[in-house]
Amino acid sequence: TLFLKSTSHIGHWLSQLGTLWQQAEEISI
């Protein structure tokens, strides 16, 4: 869950997160 500082970027992140997930790498903390 991501809480944005500005509501003006809501649309961008709604469309971008699925693409980022496809690029996501498994990381080991």
mmCIF file of all heavy atoms, coordinates in Angstrom:
data_MODEL
# 
_entry.id   MODEL 
# 
loop_
_atom_site.group_PDB 
_atom_site.id 
_atom_site.type_symbol 
_atom_site.label_atom_id 
_atom_site.label_alt_id 
_atom_site.label_comp_id 
_atom_site.label_asym_id 
_atom_site.label_entity_id 
_atom_site.label_seq_id 
_atom_site.pdbx_PDB_ins_code 
_atom_site.Cartn_x 
_atom_site.Cartn_y 
_atom_site.Cartn_z 
_atom_site.occupancy 
_atom_site.B_iso_or_equiv 
_atom_site.pdbx_formal_charge 
_atom_site.auth_seq_id 
_atom_site.auth_comp_id 
_atom_site.auth_asym_id 
_atom_site.auth_atom_id 
_atom_site.pdbx_PDB_model_num 
ATOM 1   N N   . THR A 1 1  ? 0.846  -1.186  0.000   1.00 0.00 ? 1  THR A N   1 
ATOM 2   C CA  . THR A 1 1  ? 0.000  0.000   0.000   1.00 0.00 ? 1  THR A CA  1 
ATOM 3   C C   . THR A 1 1  ? 0.883  1.238   0.000   1.00 0.00 ? 1  THR A C   1 
ATOM 4   O O   . THR A 1 1  ? 1.804  1.361   0.813   1.00 0.00 ? 1  THR A O   1 
ATOM 5   C CB  . THR A 1 1  ? -0.927 0.025   1.230   1.00 0.00 ? 1  THR A CB  1 
ATOM 6   O OG1 . THR A 1 1  ? -1.713 -1.176  1.251   1.00 0.00 ? 1  THR A OG1 1 
ATOM 7   C CG2 . THR A 1 1  ? -1.860 1.224   1.171   1.00 0.00 ? 1  THR A CG2 1 
ATOM 8   N N   . LEU A 1 2  ? 0.608  2.136   -0.939  1.00 0.00 ? 2  LEU A N   1 
ATOM 9   C CA  . LEU A 1 2  ? 1.425  3.337   -1.141  1.00 0.00 ? 2  LEU A CA  1 
ATOM 10  C C   . LEU A 1 2  ? 0.566  4.572   -0.906  1.00 0.00 ? 2  LEU A C   1 
ATOM 11  O O   . LEU A 1 2  ? -0.458 4.762   -1.564  1.00 0.00 ? 2  LEU A O   1 
ATOM 12  C CB  . LEU A 1 2  ? 1.978  3.354   -2.566  1.00 0.00 ? 2  LEU A CB  1 
ATOM 13  C CG  . LEU A 1 2  ? 2.764  2.103   -2.986  1.00 0.00 ? 2  LEU A CG  1 
ATOM 14  C CD1 . LEU A 1 2  ? 2.914  2.060   -4.504  1.00 0.00 ? 2  LEU A CD1 1 
ATOM 15  C CD2 . LEU A 1 2  ? 4.129  2.091   -2.320  1.00 0.00 ? 2  LEU A CD2 1 
ATOM 16  N N   . PHE A 1 3  ? 0.984  5.411   0.044   1.00 0.00 ? 3  PHE A N   1 
ATOM 17  C CA  . PHE A 1 3  ? 0.256  6.640   0.363   1.00 0.00 ? 3  PHE A CA  1 
ATOM 18  C C   . PHE A 1 3  ? 0.995  7.813   -0.283  1.00 0.00 ? 3  PHE A C   1 
ATOM 19  O O   . PHE A 1 3  ? 2.113  8.164   0.112   1.00 0.00 ? 3  PHE A O   1 
ATOM 20  C CB  . PHE A 1 3  ? 0.160  6.828   1.872   1.00 0.00 ? 3  PHE A CB  1 
ATOM 21  C CG  . PHE A 1 3  ? -0.681 5.783   2.555   1.00 0.00 ? 3  PHE A CG  1 
ATOM 22  C CD1 . PHE A 1 3  ? -0.113 4.585   2.976   1.00 0.00 ? 3  PHE A CD1 1 
ATOM 23  C CD2 . PHE A 1 3  ? -2.037 5.985   2.766   1.00 0.00 ? 3  PHE A CD2 1 
ATOM 24  C CE1 . PHE A 1 3  ? -0.882 3.618   3.599   1.00 0.00 ? 3  PHE A CE1 1 
ATOM 25  C CE2 . PHE A 1 3  ? -2.812 5.026   3.389   1.00 0.00 ? 3  PHE A CE2 1 
ATOM 26  C CZ  . PHE A 1 3  ? -2.239 3.832   3.807   1.00 0.00 ? 3  PHE A CZ  1 
ATOM 27  N N   . LEU A 1 4  ? 0.372  8.395   -1.293  1.00 0.00 ? 4  LEU A N   1 
ATOM 28  C CA  . LEU A 1 4  ? 0.998  9.460   -2.068  1.00 0.00 ? 4  LEU A CA  1 
ATOM 29  C C   . LEU A 1 4  ? 0.950  10.805  -1.347  1.00 0.00 ? 4  LEU A C   1 
ATOM 30  O O   . LEU A 1 4  ? 0.016  11.109  -0.596  1.00 0.00 ? 4  LEU A O   1 
ATOM 31  C CB  . LEU A 1 4  ? 0.297  9.604   -3.415  1.00 0.00 ? 4  LEU A CB  1 
ATOM 32  C CG  . LEU A 1 4  ? 0.664  8.522   -4.433  1.00 0.00 ? 4  LEU A CG  1 
ATOM 33  C CD1 . LEU A 1 4  ? -0.541 8.072   -5.216  1.00 0.00 ? 4  LEU A CD1 1 
ATOM 34  C CD2 . LEU A 1 4  ? 1.747  9.051   -5.357  1.00 0.00 ? 4  LEU A CD2 1 
ATOM 35  N N   . LYS A 1 5  ? 1.979  11.611  -1.588  1.00 0.00 ? 5  LYS A N   1 
ATOM 36  C CA  . LYS A 1 5  ? 1.993  12.971  -1.065  1.00 0.00 ? 5  LYS A CA  1 
ATOM 37  C C   . LYS A 1 5  ? 1.021  13.860  -1.841  1.00 0.00 ? 5  LYS A C   1 
ATOM 38  O O   . LYS A 1 5  ? 0.471  14.805  -1.288  1.00 0.00 ? 5  LYS A O   1 
ATOM 39  C CB  . LYS A 1 5  ? 3.407  13.550  -1.153  1.00 0.00 ? 5  LYS A CB  1 
ATOM 40  C CG  . LYS A 1 5  ? 4.435  12.833  -0.283  1.00 0.00 ? 5  LYS A CG  1 
ATOM 41  C CD  . LYS A 1 5  ? 5.820  13.425  -0.480  1.00 0.00 ? 5  LYS A CD  1 
ATOM 42  C CE  . LYS A 1 5  ? 6.868  12.701  0.347   1.00 0.00 ? 5  LYS A CE  1 
ATOM 43  N NZ  . LYS A 1 5  ? 8.233  13.248  0.120   1.00 0.00 ? 5  LYS A NZ  1 
ATOM 44  N N   . SER A 1 6  ? 0.841  13.557  -3.134  1.00 0.00 ? 6  SER A N   1 
ATOM 45  C CA  . SER A 1 6  ? -0.025 14.372  -3.977  1.00 0.00 ? 6  SER A CA  1 
ATOM 46  C C   . SER A 1 6  ? -1.024 13.487  -4.730  1.00 0.00 ? 6  SER A C   1 
ATOM 47  O O   . SER A 1 6  ? -0.640 12.472  -5.307  1.00 0.00 ? 6  SER A O   1 
ATOM 48  C CB  . SER A 1 6  ? 0.813  15.170  -4.976  1.00 0.00 ? 6  SER A CB  1 
ATOM 49  O OG  . SER A 1 6  ? -0.013 15.814  -5.933  1.00 0.00 ? 6  SER A OG  1 
ATOM 50  N N   . THR A 1 7  ? -2.273 13.871  -4.739  1.00 0.00 ? 7  THR A N   1 
ATOM 51  C CA  . THR A 1 7  ? -3.295 13.100  -5.448  1.00 0.00 ? 7  THR A CA  1 
ATOM 52  C C   . THR A 1 7  ? -3.166 13.229  -6.962  1.00 0.00 ? 7  THR A C   1 
ATOM 53  O O   . THR A 1 7  ? -3.740 12.436  -7.702  1.00 0.00 ? 7  THR A O   1 
ATOM 54  C CB  . THR A 1 7  ? -4.710 13.561  -5.033  1.00 0.00 ? 7  THR A CB  1 
ATOM 55  O OG1 . THR A 1 7  ? -4.843 14.962  -5.286  1.00 0.00 ? 7  THR A OG1 1 
ATOM 56  C CG2 . THR A 1 7  ? -4.963 13.284  -3.562  1.00 0.00 ? 7  THR A CG2 1 
ATOM 57  N N   . SER A 1 8  ? -2.402 14.209  -7.423  1.00 0.00 ? 8  SER A N   1 
ATOM 58  C CA  . SER A 1 8  ? -2.277 14.427  -8.869  1.00 0.00 ? 8  SER A CA  1 
ATOM 59  C C   . SER A 1 8  ? -1.548 13.275  -9.565  1.00 0.00 ? 8  SER A C   1 
ATOM 60  O O   . SER A 1 8  ? -1.625 13.144  -10.783 1.00 0.00 ? 8  SER A O   1 
ATOM 61  C CB  . SER A 1 8  ? -1.553 15.746  -9.149  1.00 0.00 ? 8  SER A CB  1 
ATOM 62  O OG  . SER A 1 8  ? -0.227 15.710  -8.635  1.00 0.00 ? 8  SER A OG  1 
ATOM 63  N N   . HIS A 1 9  ? -0.830 12.437  -8.799  1.00 0.00 ? 9  HIS A N   1 
ATOM 64  C CA  . HIS A 1 9  ? -0.068 11.346  -9.401  1.00 0.00 ? 9  HIS A CA  1 
ATOM 65  C C   . HIS A 1 9  ? -0.740 9.983   -9.245  1.00 0.00 ? 9  HIS A C   1 
ATOM 66  O O   . HIS A 1 9  ? -0.142 8.963   -9.563  1.00 0.00 ? 9  HIS A O   1 
ATOM 67  C CB  . HIS A 1 9  ? 1.335  11.289  -8.781  1.00 0.00 ? 9  HIS A CB  1 
ATOM 68  C CG  . HIS A 1 9  ? 2.182  12.473  -9.113  1.00 0.00 ? 9  HIS A CG  1 
ATOM 69  N ND1 . HIS A 1 9  ? 3.400  12.715  -8.522  1.00 0.00 ? 9  HIS A ND1 1 
ATOM 70  C CD2 . HIS A 1 9  ? 1.980  13.501  -9.993  1.00 0.00 ? 9  HIS A CD2 1 
ATOM 71  C CE1 . HIS A 1 9  ? 3.917  13.826  -9.007  1.00 0.00 ? 9  HIS A CE1 1 
ATOM 72  N NE2 . HIS A 1 9  ? 3.072  14.320  -9.897  1.00 0.00 ? 9  HIS A NE2 1 
ATOM 73  N N   . ILE A 1 10 ? -1.965 9.977   -8.745  1.00 0.00 ? 10 ILE A N   1 
ATOM 74  C CA  . ILE A 1 10 ? -2.690 8.718   -8.537  1.00 0.00 ? 10 ILE A CA  1 
ATOM 75  C C   . ILE A 1 10 ? -2.802 7.935   -9.838  1.00 0.00 ? 10 ILE A C   1 
ATOM 76  O O   . ILE A 1 10 ? -2.521 6.729   -9.903  1.00 0.00 ? 10 ILE A O   1 
ATOM 77  C CB  . ILE A 1 10 ? -4.100 8.974   -7.963  1.00 0.00 ? 10 ILE A CB  1 
ATOM 78  C CG1 . ILE A 1 10 ? -4.007 9.328   -6.476  1.00 0.00 ? 10 ILE A CG1 1 
ATOM 79  C CG2 . ILE A 1 10 ? -5.002 7.779   -8.160  1.00 0.00 ? 10 ILE A CG2 1 
ATOM 80  C CD1 . ILE A 1 10 ? -3.926 8.147   -5.537  1.00 0.00 ? 10 ILE A CD1 1 
ATOM 81  N N   . GLY A 1 11 ? -3.228 8.606   -10.918 1.00 0.00 ? 11 GLY A N   1 
ATOM 82  C CA  . GLY A 1 11 ? -3.427 7.927   -12.195 1.00 0.00 ? 11 GLY A CA  1 
ATOM 83  C C   . GLY A 1 11 ? -2.151 7.292   -12.718 1.00 0.00 ? 11 GLY A C   1 
ATOM 84  O O   . GLY A 1 11 ? -2.168 6.176   -13.252 1.00 0.00 ? 11 GLY A O   1 
ATOM 85  N N   . HIS A 1 12 ? -1.047 7.997   -12.561 1.00 0.00 ? 12 HIS A N   1 
ATOM 86  C CA  . HIS A 1 12 ? 0.243  7.472   -13.023 1.00 0.00 ? 12 HIS A CA  1 
ATOM 87  C C   . HIS A 1 12 ? 0.575  6.168   -12.314 1.00 0.00 ? 12 HIS A C   1 
ATOM 88  O O   . HIS A 1 12 ? 0.960  5.182   -12.966 1.00 0.00 ? 12 HIS A O   1 
ATOM 89  C CB  . HIS A 1 12 ? 1.337  8.508   -12.764 1.00 0.00 ? 12 HIS A CB  1 
ATOM 90  C CG  . HIS A 1 12 ? 2.729  7.956   -12.917 1.00 0.00 ? 12 HIS A CG  1 
ATOM 91  N ND1 . HIS A 1 12 ? 3.304  7.735   -14.152 1.00 0.00 ? 12 HIS A ND1 1 
ATOM 92  C CD2 . HIS A 1 12 ? 3.651  7.553   -11.988 1.00 0.00 ? 12 HIS A CD2 1 
ATOM 93  C CE1 . HIS A 1 12 ? 4.522  7.238   -13.978 1.00 0.00 ? 12 HIS A CE1 1 
ATOM 94  N NE2 . HIS A 1 12 ? 4.753  7.113   -12.677 1.00 0.00 ? 12 HIS A NE2 1 
ATOM 95  N N   . TRP A 1 13 ? 0.426  6.133   -11.011 1.00 0.00 ? 13 TRP A N   1 
ATOM 96  C CA  . TRP A 1 13 ? 0.807  4.943   -10.265 1.00 0.00 ? 13 TRP A CA  1 
ATOM 97  C C   . TRP A 1 13 ? -0.175 3.799   -10.454 1.00 0.00 ? 13 TRP A C   1 
ATOM 98  O O   . TRP A 1 13 ? 0.205  2.622   -10.405 1.00 0.00 ? 13 TRP A O   1 
ATOM 99  C CB  . TRP A 1 13 ? 1.002  5.284   -8.793  1.00 0.00 ? 13 TRP A CB  1 
ATOM 100 C CG  . TRP A 1 13 ? 2.272  6.056   -8.596  1.00 0.00 ? 13 TRP A CG  1 
ATOM 101 C CD1 . TRP A 1 13 ? 2.402  7.394   -8.363  1.00 0.00 ? 13 TRP A CD1 1 
ATOM 102 C CD2 . TRP A 1 13 ? 3.597  5.539   -8.679  1.00 0.00 ? 13 TRP A CD2 1 
ATOM 103 N NE1 . TRP A 1 13 ? 3.720  7.757   -8.295  1.00 0.00 ? 13 TRP A NE1 1 
ATOM 104 C CE2 . TRP A 1 13 ? 4.481  6.628   -8.474  1.00 0.00 ? 13 TRP A CE2 1 
ATOM 105 C CE3 . TRP A 1 13 ? 4.134  4.270   -8.892  1.00 0.00 ? 13 TRP A CE3 1 
ATOM 106 C CZ2 . TRP A 1 13 ? 5.868  6.476   -8.486  1.00 0.00 ? 13 TRP A CZ2 1 
ATOM 107 C CZ3 . TRP A 1 13 ? 5.513  4.123   -8.899  1.00 0.00 ? 13 TRP A CZ3 1 
ATOM 108 C CH2 . TRP A 1 13 ? 6.359  5.202   -8.701  1.00 0.00 ? 13 TRP A CH2 1 
ATOM 109 N N   . LEU A 1 14 ? -1.425 4.115   -10.685 1.00 0.00 ? 14 LEU A N   1 
ATOM 110 C CA  . LEU A 1 14 ? -2.399 3.061   -10.990 1.00 0.00 ? 14 LEU A CA  1 
ATOM 111 C C   . LEU A 1 14 ? -2.016 2.308   -12.262 1.00 0.00 ? 14 LEU A C   1 
ATOM 112 O O   . LEU A 1 14 ? -2.204 1.097   -12.378 1.00 0.00 ? 14 LEU A O   1 
ATOM 113 C CB  . LEU A 1 14 ? -3.801 3.648   -11.129 1.00 0.00 ? 14 LEU A CB  1 
ATOM 114 C CG  . LEU A 1 14 ? -4.514 4.026   -9.828  1.00 0.00 ? 14 LEU A CG  1 
ATOM 115 C CD1 . LEU A 1 14 ? -5.808 4.790   -10.148 1.00 0.00 ? 14 LEU A CD1 1 
ATOM 116 C CD2 . LEU A 1 14 ? -4.833 2.782   -8.996  1.00 0.00 ? 14 LEU A CD2 1 
ATOM 117 N N   . SER A 1 15 ? -1.474 3.017   -13.230 1.00 0.00 ? 15 SER A N   1 
ATOM 118 C CA  . SER A 1 15 ? -1.076 2.382   -14.496 1.00 0.00 ? 15 SER A CA  1 
ATOM 119 C C   . SER A 1 15 ? 0.342  1.827   -14.455 1.00 0.00 ? 15 SER A C   1 
ATOM 120 O O   . SER A 1 15 ? 0.679  0.909   -15.209 1.00 0.00 ? 15 SER A O   1 
ATOM 121 C CB  . SER A 1 15 ? -1.196 3.389   -15.641 1.00 0.00 ? 15 SER A CB  1 
ATOM 122 O OG  . SER A 1 15 ? -0.318 4.488   -15.442 1.00 0.00 ? 15 SER A OG  1 
ATOM 123 N N   . GLN A 1 16 ? 1.187  2.348   -13.561 1.00 0.00 ? 16 GLN A N   1 
ATOM 124 C CA  . GLN A 1 16 ? 2.595  2.001   -13.567 1.00 0.00 ? 16 GLN A CA  1 
ATOM 125 C C   . GLN A 1 16 ? 2.933  0.791   -12.699 1.00 0.00 ? 16 GLN A C   1 
ATOM 126 O O   . GLN A 1 16 ? 3.887  0.058   -12.993 1.00 0.00 ? 16 GLN A O   1 
ATOM 127 C CB  . GLN A 1 16 ? 3.418  3.210   -13.086 1.00 0.00 ? 16 GLN A CB  1 
ATOM 128 C CG  . GLN A 1 16 ? 4.919  3.057   -13.239 1.00 0.00 ? 16 GLN A CG  1 
ATOM 129 C CD  . GLN A 1 16 ? 5.365  3.092   -14.694 1.00 0.00 ? 16 GLN A CD  1 
ATOM 130 O OE1 . GLN A 1 16 ? 4.574  3.435   -15.574 1.00 0.00 ? 16 GLN A OE1 1 
ATOM 131 N NE2 . GLN A 1 16 ? 6.609  2.724   -14.947 1.00 0.00 ? 16 GLN A NE2 1 
ATOM 132 N N   . LEU A 1 17 ? 2.168  0.557   -11.645 1.00 0.00 ? 17 LEU A N   1 
ATOM 133 C CA  . LEU A 1 17 ? 2.557  -0.478  -10.683 1.00 0.00 ? 17 LEU A CA  1 
ATOM 134 C C   . LEU A 1 17 ? 2.569  -1.878  -11.288 1.00 0.00 ? 17 LEU A C   1 
ATOM 135 O O   . LEU A 1 17 ? 3.438  -2.700  -10.976 1.00 0.00 ? 17 LEU A O   1 
ATOM 136 C CB  . LEU A 1 17 ? 1.634  -0.438  -9.461  1.00 0.00 ? 17 LEU A CB  1 
ATOM 137 C CG  . LEU A 1 17 ? 1.932  0.680   -8.466  1.00 0.00 ? 17 LEU A CG  1 
ATOM 138 C CD1 . LEU A 1 17 ? 0.882  0.692   -7.355  1.00 0.00 ? 17 LEU A CD1 1 
ATOM 139 C CD2 . LEU A 1 17 ? 3.323  0.540   -7.869  1.00 0.00 ? 17 LEU A CD2 1 
ATOM 140 N N   . GLY A 1 18 ? 1.592  -2.177  -12.159 1.00 0.00 ? 18 GLY A N   1 
ATOM 141 C CA  . GLY A 1 18 ? 1.572  -3.492  -12.792 1.00 0.00 ? 18 GLY A CA  1 
ATOM 142 C C   . GLY A 1 18 ? 2.807  -3.728  -13.646 1.00 0.00 ? 18 GLY A C   1 
ATOM 143 O O   . GLY A 1 18 ? 3.376  -4.832  -13.650 1.00 0.00 ? 18 GLY A O   1 
ATOM 144 N N   . THR A 1 19 ? 3.244  -2.695  -14.351 1.00 0.00 ? 19 THR A N   1 
ATOM 145 C CA  . THR A 1 19 ? 4.455  -2.803  -15.171 1.00 0.00 ? 19 THR A CA  1 
ATOM 146 C C   . THR A 1 19 ? 5.686  -3.004  -14.301 1.00 0.00 ? 19 THR A C   1 
ATOM 147 O O   . THR A 1 19 ? 6.550  -3.841  -14.601 1.00 0.00 ? 19 THR A O   1 
ATOM 148 C CB  . THR A 1 19 ? 4.637  -1.539  -16.019 1.00 0.00 ? 19 THR A CB  1 
ATOM 149 O OG1 . THR A 1 19 ? 3.495  -1.366  -16.860 1.00 0.00 ? 19 THR A OG1 1 
ATOM 150 C CG2 . THR A 1 19 ? 5.888  -1.629  -16.880 1.00 0.00 ? 19 THR A CG2 1 
ATOM 151 N N   . LEU A 1 20 ? 5.767  -2.248  -13.216 1.00 0.00 ? 20 LEU A N   1 
ATOM 152 C CA  . LEU A 1 20 ? 6.899  -2.389  -12.307 1.00 0.00 ? 20 LEU A CA  1 
ATOM 153 C C   . LEU A 1 20 ? 6.947  -3.792  -11.698 1.00 0.00 ? 20 LEU A C   1 
ATOM 154 O O   . LEU A 1 20 ? 8.024  -4.349  -11.477 1.00 0.00 ? 20 LEU A O   1 
ATOM 155 C CB  . LEU A 1 20 ? 6.826  -1.339  -11.200 1.00 0.00 ? 20 LEU A CB  1 
ATOM 156 C CG  . LEU A 1 20 ? 7.271  0.076   -11.567 1.00 0.00 ? 20 LEU A CG  1 
ATOM 157 C CD1 . LEU A 1 20 ? 7.014  1.035   -10.419 1.00 0.00 ? 20 LEU A CD1 1 
ATOM 158 C CD2 . LEU A 1 20 ? 8.747  0.090   -11.948 1.00 0.00 ? 20 LEU A CD2 1 
ATOM 159 N N   . TRP A 1 21 ? 5.771  -4.352  -11.413 1.00 0.00 ? 21 TRP A N   1 
ATOM 160 C CA  . TRP A 1 21 ? 5.742  -5.698  -10.851 1.00 0.00 ? 21 TRP A CA  1 
ATOM 161 C C   . TRP A 1 21 ? 6.366  -6.716  -11.811 1.00 0.00 ? 21 TRP A C   1 
ATOM 162 O O   . TRP A 1 21 ? 7.062  -7.633  -11.377 1.00 0.00 ? 21 TRP A O   1 
ATOM 163 C CB  . TRP A 1 21 ? 4.317  -6.102  -10.497 1.00 0.00 ? 21 TRP A CB  1 
ATOM 164 C CG  . TRP A 1 21 ? 4.233  -7.490  -9.926  1.00 0.00 ? 21 TRP A CG  1 
ATOM 165 C CD1 . TRP A 1 21 ? 3.786  -8.620  -10.533 1.00 0.00 ? 21 TRP A CD1 1 
ATOM 166 C CD2 . TRP A 1 21 ? 4.652  -7.888  -8.618  1.00 0.00 ? 21 TRP A CD2 1 
ATOM 167 N NE1 . TRP A 1 21 ? 3.886  -9.701  -9.698  1.00 0.00 ? 21 TRP A NE1 1 
ATOM 168 C CE2 . TRP A 1 21 ? 4.413  -9.285  -8.513  1.00 0.00 ? 21 TRP A CE2 1 
ATOM 169 C CE3 . TRP A 1 21 ? 5.199  -7.212  -7.529  1.00 0.00 ? 21 TRP A CE3 1 
ATOM 170 C CZ2 . TRP A 1 21 ? 4.710  -10.007 -7.360  1.00 0.00 ? 21 TRP A CZ2 1 
ATOM 171 C CZ3 . TRP A 1 21 ? 5.491  -7.921  -6.376  1.00 0.00 ? 21 TRP A CZ3 1 
ATOM 172 C CH2 . TRP A 1 21 ? 5.249  -9.296  -6.297  1.00 0.00 ? 21 TRP A CH2 1 
ATOM 173 N N   . GLN A 1 22 ? 6.104  -6.561  -13.107 1.00 0.00 ? 22 GLN A N   1 
ATOM 174 C CA  . GLN A 1 22 ? 6.695  -7.468  -14.086 1.00 0.00 ? 22 GLN A CA  1 
ATOM 175 C C   . GLN A 1 22 ? 8.210  -7.340  -14.124 1.00 0.00 ? 22 GLN A C   1 
ATOM 176 O O   . GLN A 1 22 ? 8.915  -8.286  -14.476 1.00 0.00 ? 22 GLN A O   1 
ATOM 177 C CB  . GLN A 1 22 ? 6.103  -7.192  -15.475 1.00 0.00 ? 22 GLN A CB  1 
ATOM 178 C CG  . GLN A 1 22 ? 4.599  -7.391  -15.565 1.00 0.00 ? 22 GLN A CG  1 
ATOM 179 C CD  . GLN A 1 22 ? 4.161  -8.777  -15.114 1.00 0.00 ? 22 GLN A CD  1 
ATOM 180 O OE1 . GLN A 1 22 ? 4.808  -9.776  -15.430 1.00 0.00 ? 22 GLN A OE1 1 
ATOM 181 N NE2 . GLN A 1 22 ? 3.055  -8.835  -14.390 1.00 0.00 ? 22 GLN A NE2 1 
ATOM 182 N N   . GLN A 1 23 ? 8.721  -6.176  -13.748 1.00 0.00 ? 23 GLN A N   1 
ATOM 183 C CA  . GLN A 1 23 ? 10.166 -5.957  -13.737 1.00 0.00 ? 23 GLN A CA  1 
ATOM 184 C C   . GLN A 1 23 ? 10.797 -6.303  -12.388 1.00 0.00 ? 23 GLN A C   1 
ATOM 185 O O   . GLN A 1 23 ? 12.018 -6.362  -12.264 1.00 0.00 ? 23 GLN A O   1 
ATOM 186 C CB  . GLN A 1 23 ? 10.467 -4.482  -14.043 1.00 0.00 ? 23 GLN A CB  1 
ATOM 187 C CG  . GLN A 1 23 ? 9.940  -4.004  -15.383 1.00 0.00 ? 23 GLN A CG  1 
ATOM 188 C CD  . GLN A 1 23 ? 10.050 -2.493  -15.530 1.00 0.00 ? 23 GLN A CD  1 
ATOM 189 O OE1 . GLN A 1 23 ? 10.549 -1.799  -14.635 1.00 0.00 ? 23 GLN A OE1 1 
ATOM 190 N NE2 . GLN A 1 23 ? 9.583  -1.969  -16.649 1.00 0.00 ? 23 GLN A NE2 1 
ATOM 191 N N   . ALA A 1 24 ? 9.958  -6.527  -11.391 1.00 0.00 ? 24 ALA A N   1 
ATOM 192 C CA  . ALA A 1 24 ? 10.451 -6.709  -10.025 1.00 0.00 ? 24 ALA A CA  1 
ATOM 193 C C   . ALA A 1 24 ? 11.380 -7.908  -9.917  1.00 0.00 ? 24 ALA A C   1 
ATOM 194 O O   . ALA A 1 24 ? 11.153 -8.955  -10.528 1.00 0.00 ? 24 ALA A O   1 
ATOM 195 C CB  . ALA A 1 24 ? 9.277  -6.863  -9.062  1.00 0.00 ? 24 ALA A CB  1 
ATOM 196 N N   . GLU A 1 25 ? 12.410 -7.729  -9.138  1.00 0.00 ? 25 GLU A N   1 
ATOM 197 C CA  . GLU A 1 25 ? 13.380 -8.780  -8.900  1.00 0.00 ? 25 GLU A CA  1 
ATOM 198 C C   . GLU A 1 25 ? 13.230 -9.292  -7.471  1.00 0.00 ? 25 GLU A C   1 
ATOM 199 O O   . GLU A 1 25 ? 12.826 -8.557  -6.568  1.00 0.00 ? 25 GLU A O   1 
ATOM 200 C CB  . GLU A 1 25 ? 14.801 -8.240  -9.102  1.00 0.00 ? 25 GLU A CB  1 
ATOM 201 C CG  . GLU A 1 25 ? 15.050 -7.656  -10.486 1.00 0.00 ? 25 GLU A CG  1 
ATOM 202 C CD  . GLU A 1 25 ? 16.391 -6.957  -10.565 1.00 0.00 ? 25 GLU A CD  1 
ATOM 203 O OE1 . GLU A 1 25 ? 17.111 -6.951  -9.538  1.00 0.00 ? 25 GLU A OE1 1 
ATOM 204 O OE2 . GLU A 1 25 ? 16.708 -6.413  -11.636 1.00 0.00 ? 25 GLU A OE2 1 
ATOM 205 N N   . GLU A 1 26 ? 13.547 -10.563 -7.295  1.00 0.00 ? 26 GLU A N   1 
ATOM 206 C CA  . GLU A 1 26 ? 13.557 -11.114 -5.947  1.00 0.00 ? 26 GLU A CA  1 
ATOM 207 C C   . GLU A 1 26 ? 14.829 -10.655 -5.251  1.00 0.00 ? 26 GLU A C   1 
ATOM 208 O O   . GLU A 1 26 ? 15.923 -10.851 -5.764  1.00 0.00 ? 26 GLU A O   1 
ATOM 209 C CB  . GLU A 1 26 ? 13.500 -12.639 -5.979  1.00 0.00 ? 26 GLU A CB  1 
ATOM 210 C CG  . GLU A 1 26 ? 12.214 -13.185 -6.589  1.00 0.00 ? 26 GLU A CG  1 
ATOM 211 C CD  . GLU A 1 26 ? 12.278 -14.685 -6.796  1.00 0.00 ? 26 GLU A CD  1 
ATOM 212 O OE1 . GLU A 1 26 ? 13.162 -15.333 -6.187  1.00 0.00 ? 26 GLU A OE1 1 
ATOM 213 O OE2 . GLU A 1 26 ? 11.457 -15.215 -7.565  1.00 0.00 ? 26 GLU A OE2 1 
ATOM 214 N N   . ILE A 1 27 ? 14.671 -9.996  -4.124  1.00 0.00 ? 27 ILE A N   1 
ATOM 215 C CA  . ILE A 1 27 ? 15.840 -9.547  -3.380  1.00 0.00 ? 27 ILE A CA  1 
ATOM 216 C C   . ILE A 1 27 ? 15.861 -10.209 -2.013  1.00 0.00 ? 27 ILE A C   1 
ATOM 217 O O   . ILE A 1 27 ? 14.819 -10.584 -1.468  1.00 0.00 ? 27 ILE A O   1 
ATOM 218 C CB  . ILE A 1 27 ? 15.866 -8.005  -3.221  1.00 0.00 ? 27 ILE A CB  1 
ATOM 219 C CG1 . ILE A 1 27 ? 14.661 -7.530  -2.399  1.00 0.00 ? 27 ILE A CG1 1 
ATOM 220 C CG2 . ILE A 1 27 ? 15.916 -7.325  -4.568  1.00 0.00 ? 27 ILE A CG2 1 
ATOM 221 C CD1 . ILE A 1 27 ? 14.742 -6.069  -2.033  1.00 0.00 ? 27 ILE A CD1 1 
ATOM 222 N N   . SER A 1 28 ? 17.013 -10.376 -1.494  1.00 0.00 ? 28 SER A N   1 
ATOM 223 C CA  . SER A 1 28 ? 17.195 -10.959 -0.167  1.00 0.00 ? 28 SER A CA  1 
ATOM 224 C C   . SER A 1 28 ? 17.714 -9.871  0.756   1.00 0.00 ? 28 SER A C   1 
ATOM 225 O O   . SER A 1 28 ? 18.798 -9.329  0.534   1.00 0.00 ? 28 SER A O   1 
ATOM 226 C CB  . SER A 1 28 ? 18.170 -12.132 -0.218  1.00 0.00 ? 28 SER A CB  1 
ATOM 227 O OG  . SER A 1 28 ? 18.411 -12.630 1.085   1.00 0.00 ? 28 SER A OG  1 
ATOM 228 N N   . ILE A 1 29 ? 16.906 -9.520  1.749   1.00 0.00 ? 29 ILE A N   1 
ATOM 229 C CA  . ILE A 1 29 ? 17.336 -8.527  2.724   1.00 0.00 ? 29 ILE A CA  1 
ATOM 230 C C   . ILE A 1 29 ? 18.189 -9.239  3.777   1.00 0.00 ? 29 ILE A C   1 
ATOM 231 O O   . ILE A 1 29 ? 17.739 -10.185 4.413   1.00 0.00 ? 29 ILE A O   1 
ATOM 232 C CB  . ILE A 1 29 ? 16.121 -7.844  3.389   1.00 0.00 ? 29 ILE A CB  1 
ATOM 233 C CG1 . ILE A 1 29 ? 15.289 -7.109  2.334   1.00 0.00 ? 29 ILE A CG1 1 
ATOM 234 C CG2 . ILE A 1 29 ? 16.581 -6.877  4.467   1.00 0.00 ? 29 ILE A CG2 1 
ATOM 235 C CD1 . ILE A 1 29 ? 14.049 -6.459  2.885   1.00 0.00 ? 29 ILE A CD1 1 
# 
